Amino acid sequence: MKKVHAVTACIIVLFVILLSFVLTSLNMAPETEEVRTLGKFFLENSYFGDYSAMSPEVVTSILWDYRGLDTIYETSVFFLAIISSLALFRLGNTIESEKHSEDSGPGLSFIVKGIVKLVSVMIIAVSASIALHGHLTPGGGFQGGSALAVVPLLVIVAFSKFALEDLGFTKDRAMVVRSLSLVGIALVALFPLLYGAYIMQNQPIFPARIGGQLTSGSLILYNIFEYFAVGAGFTAVFLLLATPEKIFKKLLGVKKE
């Protein structure tokens, strides 16, 4: 059986290498180096022009301004995916009441725990920077939130999920943070309607600068709310996935073998 798996793996690797070679040989990239009309529009109007989003970061301008509704839909799909994942764990509330009835173990060594504490602070700082500067440099709320979610994952691995919950980071609280963040995104999107503007309109409804600092209007607000929404959503799923199997078996009445 092991030989069959090894042969299958080799065949897949060879197929991927052959496919990569063929695609590279065909040189499917366009020959012209000229920027397409749509790309030129975004480059010229992201920070300058009559349709400026007041952001030098073109990708963020496109995501939260020019095609903002698409991003709203994508955020909604991600939220539904999180909800679907949580629905698979219908014993969630019972699990919370059972967490102290099981020994979570000592976790990993004190060296690993010490490193996790140090790295976690650094990750939080970097993830916040990615989100808060997403309108200026490559990054944004989703990228920052994904980086932030690494922190609870490290704590679960090094200490245990119960240690994270004892600190107050429970699944229910994570979902509250995520829901409030989504409400914040919705309010920012609908706010321009009060002034007779379009939904998700950025300029000139929102100030481009605050205290002399470039905020790119609504873009920084979207990134902040998305940052917390993504980080909290992933954290809720990680907490449920880290629930010991013996707890599920106990709650489901499965007898030990």
Protein backbone atom coordinates (compact mmCIF):
# COMPACT_ATOMS: atom_id res chain seq x y z
CA MET A 1 0.00 0.00 0.00
CA LYS A 2 2.83 2.41 0.84
CA LYS A 3 4.43 1.69 -2.55
CA VAL A 4 1.15 2.57 -4.30
CA HIS A 5 0.97 5.90 -2.45
CA ALA A 6 4.60 6.65 -3.30
CA VAL A 7 4.06 5.90 -7.00
CA THR A 8 0.92 8.04 -7.04
CA ALA A 9 2.77 10.95 -5.42
CA CYS A 10 5.60 10.68 -7.97
CA ILE A 11 3.14 10.67 -10.86
CA ILE A 12 1.43 13.82 -9.52
CA VAL A 13 4.75 15.61 -9.07
CA LEU A 14 5.87 14.69 -12.58
CA PHE A 15 2.55 15.83 -14.02
CA VAL A 16 2.81 19.23 -12.28
CA ILE A 17 6.40 19.68 -13.51
CA LEU A 18 5.42 18.72 -17.07
CA LEU A 19 2.40 21.04 -17.03
CA SER A 20 4.53 23.93 -15.74
CA PHE A 21 7.11 23.31 -18.47
CA VAL A 22 4.45 23.27 -21.21
CA LEU A 23 2.78 26.47 -20.01
CA THR A 24 6.16 28.20 -19.76
CA SER A 25 7.16 27.05 -23.25
CA LEU A 26 3.93 28.36 -24.77
CA ASN A 27 4.73 31.84 -23.45
CA MET A 28 1.08 32.72 -22.89
CA ALA A 29 1.89 36.17 -21.50
CA PRO A 30 0.81 39.06 -23.77
CA GLU A 31 3.61 40.40 -25.96
CA THR A 32 2.70 44.05 -25.50
CA GLU A 33 4.01 45.91 -22.46
CA GLU A 34 1.40 48.65 -22.70
CA VAL A 35 -0.99 49.09 -19.77
CA ARG A 36 -4.57 48.23 -20.62
CA THR A 37 -7.19 50.97 -20.66
CA LEU A 38 -8.91 49.82 -17.46
CA GLY A 39 -5.59 49.44 -15.63
CA LYS A 40 -4.50 52.88 -16.81
CA PHE A 41 -7.73 54.36 -15.44
CA PHE A 42 -7.12 52.92 -11.99
CA LEU A 43 -3.47 53.97 -11.96
CA GLU A 44 -4.31 57.51 -12.98
CA ASN A 45 -7.30 57.96 -10.67
CA SER A 46 -6.35 56.05 -7.54
CA TYR A 47 -4.71 59.09 -5.97
CA PHE A 48 -5.06 61.76 -8.66
CA GLY A 49 -7.77 62.50 -11.21
CA ASP A 50 -11.46 63.30 -11.15
CA TYR A 51 -12.43 59.93 -9.64
CA SER A 52 -9.73 59.76 -7.00
CA ALA A 53 -10.04 57.42 -4.04
CA MET A 54 -7.24 59.41 -2.36
CA SER A 55 -5.15 56.30 -1.90
CA PRO A 56 -1.72 55.62 -3.40
CA GLU A 57 -2.38 51.88 -2.88
CA VAL A 58 -4.23 50.99 -6.08
CA VAL A 59 -5.32 47.51 -4.99
CA THR A 60 -7.08 48.82 -1.87
CA SER A 61 -8.71 51.56 -3.94
CA ILE A 62 -10.12 48.95 -6.29
CA LEU A 63 -11.26 46.60 -3.50
CA TRP A 64 -13.05 49.11 -1.29
CA ASP A 65 -13.94 51.88 -3.74
CA TYR A 66 -14.18 51.19 -7.45
CA ARG A 67 -15.51 47.63 -7.06
CA GLY A 68 -16.53 47.92 -3.42
CA LEU A 69 -19.80 46.01 -3.75
CA ASP A 70 -17.91 42.94 -4.91
CA THR A 71 -15.79 43.12 -1.76
CA ILE A 72 -18.93 43.44 0.38
CA TYR A 73 -20.29 40.29 -1.23
CA GLU A 74 -17.01 38.46 -0.66
CA THR A 75 -17.03 39.51 3.00
CA SER A 76 -20.61 38.23 3.30
CA VAL A 77 -19.62 34.90 1.75
CA PHE A 78 -16.73 34.57 4.19
CA PHE A 79 -19.07 35.34 7.09
CA LEU A 80 -21.51 32.67 5.89
CA ALA A 81 -18.62 30.20 5.62
CA ILE A 82 -17.71 30.91 9.25
CA ILE A 83 -21.34 30.46 10.30
CA SER A 84 -21.52 27.17 8.40
CA SER A 85 -18.35 25.96 10.10
CA LEU A 86 -19.77 26.81 13.52
CA ALA A 87 -23.04 25.08 12.64
CA LEU A 88 -21.13 21.82 12.29
CA PHE A 89 -20.33 22.04 16.01
CA ARG A 90 -23.86 22.16 17.39
CA LEU A 91 -22.64 21.16 20.83
CA GLY A 92 -20.74 24.43 21.15
CA ASN A 93 -22.58 25.73 24.22
CA THR A 94 -22.31 22.38 25.96
CA ILE A 95 -18.61 22.26 25.19
CA GLU A 96 -18.15 25.56 27.02
CA SER A 97 -19.67 24.04 30.17
CA GLU A 98 -17.48 20.96 29.88
CA LYS A 99 -14.15 22.68 29.41
CA HIS A 100 -13.13 22.56 33.07
CA SER A 101 -14.21 18.95 33.48
CA GLU A 102 -11.28 17.72 31.39
CA ASP A 103 -7.58 18.03 32.03
CA SER A 104 -6.11 20.23 29.29
CA GLY A 105 -2.60 19.07 30.08
CA PRO A 106 0.50 21.12 30.79
CA GLY A 107 0.94 22.21 27.18
CA LEU A 108 4.33 22.42 25.55
CA SER A 109 7.63 23.26 27.25
CA PHE A 110 8.25 26.56 28.98
CA ILE A 111 10.69 27.49 26.19
CA VAL A 112 7.96 27.19 23.56
CA LYS A 113 5.50 29.07 25.75
CA GLY A 114 7.98 31.89 26.30
CA ILE A 115 8.67 32.19 22.58
CA VAL A 116 4.94 32.17 21.81
CA LYS A 117 4.39 35.05 24.24
CA LEU A 118 7.16 37.07 22.60
CA VAL A 119 6.16 36.26 19.02
CA SER A 120 2.49 36.93 19.72
CA VAL A 121 3.20 40.54 20.64
CA MET A 122 5.21 40.97 17.46
CA ILE A 123 2.48 39.40 15.32
CA ILE A 124 -0.20 41.65 16.80
CA ALA A 125 1.93 44.71 16.07
CA VAL A 126 2.71 43.62 12.51
CA SER A 127 -0.89 42.61 11.76
CA ALA A 128 -2.19 45.95 13.04
CA SER A 129 0.36 47.74 10.88
CA ILE A 130 -0.74 45.74 7.83
CA ALA A 131 -4.36 46.72 8.42
CA LEU A 132 -3.83 50.37 9.38
CA HIS A 133 -1.47 51.04 6.47
CA GLY A 134 -3.45 49.07 3.92
CA HIS A 135 -4.53 52.27 2.18
CA LEU A 136 -0.90 53.38 1.81
CA THR A 137 1.08 50.20 1.21
CA PRO A 138 0.23 46.61 0.14
CA GLY A 139 -1.94 44.98 2.78
CA GLY A 140 -5.36 45.65 4.20
CA GLY A 141 -7.93 44.41 6.66
CA PHE A 142 -8.19 40.86 5.40
CA GLN A 143 -4.44 40.33 5.28
CA GLY A 144 -3.99 41.91 8.70
CA GLY A 145 -6.85 39.90 10.20
CA SER A 146 -5.43 36.67 8.80
CA ALA A 147 -2.08 37.47 10.41
CA LEU A 148 -3.81 38.34 13.69
CA ALA A 149 -5.55 34.93 13.72
CA VAL A 150 -2.14 33.27 13.96
CA VAL A 151 -1.85 34.47 17.58
CA PRO A 152 -4.76 32.46 19.05
CA LEU A 153 -3.64 29.49 16.96
CA LEU A 154 -0.17 29.63 18.52
CA VAL A 155 -1.65 29.96 22.01
CA ILE A 156 -3.88 26.92 21.41
CA VAL A 157 -0.89 24.85 20.28
CA ALA A 158 1.52 25.96 23.02
CA PHE A 159 -0.88 26.22 25.97
CA SER A 160 -4.33 24.78 25.03
CA LYS A 161 -7.68 26.10 23.89
CA PHE A 162 -8.78 26.27 27.52
CA ALA A 163 -5.94 28.65 28.35
CA LEU A 164 -7.16 30.96 25.58
CA GLU A 165 -10.73 30.78 26.83
CA ASP A 166 -9.61 31.49 30.41
CA LEU A 167 -8.14 34.74 29.08
CA GLY A 168 -11.61 35.68 27.85
CA PHE A 169 -11.21 34.76 24.18
CA THR A 170 -14.21 32.45 23.84
CA LYS A 171 -16.03 31.42 20.69
CA ASP A 172 -19.11 33.48 21.58
CA ARG A 173 -17.10 36.63 22.21
CA ALA A 174 -15.22 36.15 18.97
CA MET A 175 -18.51 35.97 17.10
CA VAL A 176 -19.74 39.12 18.84
CA VAL A 177 -16.62 40.97 17.69
CA ARG A 178 -17.06 39.65 14.17
CA SER A 179 -20.74 40.63 14.05
CA LEU A 180 -20.05 44.15 15.34
CA SER A 181 -17.27 44.54 12.80
CA LEU A 182 -19.60 43.56 9.96
CA VAL A 183 -22.15 46.05 11.25
CA GLY A 184 -19.41 48.69 11.14
CA ILE A 185 -18.64 47.83 7.50
CA ALA A 186 -22.36 48.09 6.66
CA LEU A 187 -22.68 51.48 8.37
CA VAL A 188 -19.68 52.90 6.52
CA ALA A 189 -21.11 51.58 3.25
CA LEU A 190 -24.57 53.07 3.85
CA PHE A 191 -23.44 56.38 5.39
CA PRO A 192 -23.09 58.21 2.01
CA LEU A 193 -26.80 57.64 1.33
CA LEU A 194 -27.58 60.18 4.06
CA TYR A 195 -25.97 62.86 1.86
CA GLY A 196 -27.64 61.76 -1.34
CA ALA A 197 -24.48 60.03 -2.58
CA TYR A 198 -23.97 56.48 -3.77
CA ILE A 199 -23.60 53.45 -1.56
CA MET A 200 -19.94 52.91 -0.55
CA GLN A 201 -18.97 56.27 -2.08
CA ASN A 202 -15.68 57.45 -0.66
CA GLN A 203 -14.84 60.97 -1.83
CA PRO A 204 -15.83 63.62 -0.98
CA ILE A 205 -18.11 62.16 1.71
CA PHE A 206 -15.29 61.01 4.00
CA PRO A 207 -12.31 63.24 4.83
CA ALA A 208 -9.17 62.20 2.96
CA ARG A 209 -6.91 63.49 5.74
CA ILE A 210 -7.30 63.67 9.50
CA GLY A 211 -4.79 65.71 11.46
CA GLY A 212 -2.62 66.00 8.38
CA GLN A 213 -2.40 62.21 8.00
CA LEU A 214 -3.69 60.57 4.83
CA THR A 215 -6.58 58.25 5.72
CA SER A 216 -8.01 57.84 2.21
CA GLY A 217 -11.50 58.49 3.48
CA SER A 218 -13.55 55.36 4.08
CA LEU A 219 -10.74 52.98 3.06
CA ILE A 220 -9.04 52.99 6.46
CA LEU A 221 -12.39 52.39 8.17
CA TYR A 222 -13.12 49.38 6.00
CA ASN A 223 -9.67 47.97 6.70
CA ILE A 224 -10.05 48.38 10.47
CA PHE A 225 -13.45 46.66 10.61
CA GLU A 226 -12.32 43.90 8.24
CA TYR A 227 -9.23 43.39 10.40
CA PHE A 228 -11.28 42.55 13.48
CA ALA A 229 -13.93 40.63 11.53
CA VAL A 230 -11.45 38.26 9.90
CA GLY A 231 -9.32 37.79 13.01
CA ALA A 232 -12.34 37.04 15.21
CA GLY A 233 -13.94 34.73 12.64
CA PHE A 234 -10.86 32.55 12.30
CA THR A 235 -10.40 32.52 16.08
CA ALA A 236 -13.92 31.16 16.62
CA VAL A 237 -13.31 28.33 14.18
CA PHE A 238 -9.88 27.53 15.67
CA LEU A 239 -11.39 27.25 19.15
CA LEU A 240 -13.96 24.70 18.03
CA LEU A 241 -11.51 22.71 15.93
CA ALA A 242 -9.20 22.49 18.96
CA THR A 243 -11.84 20.90 21.16
CA PRO A 244 -10.49 17.52 22.39
CA GLU A 245 -12.12 14.53 20.74
CA LYS A 246 -12.82 12.94 24.12
CA ILE A 247 -15.15 15.82 24.99
CA PHE A 248 -17.18 15.28 21.84
CA LYS A 249 -17.36 11.55 22.51
CA LYS A 250 -18.51 12.20 26.07
CA LEU A 251 -21.22 14.62 24.97
CA LEU A 252 -22.38 12.32 22.18
CA GLY A 253 -22.46 9.33 24.48
CA VAL A 254 -19.83 7.40 22.56
CA LYS A 255 -18.36 4.63 24.67
CA LYS A 256 -14.59 4.36 24.96
CA GLU A 257 -13.06 1.46 23.10
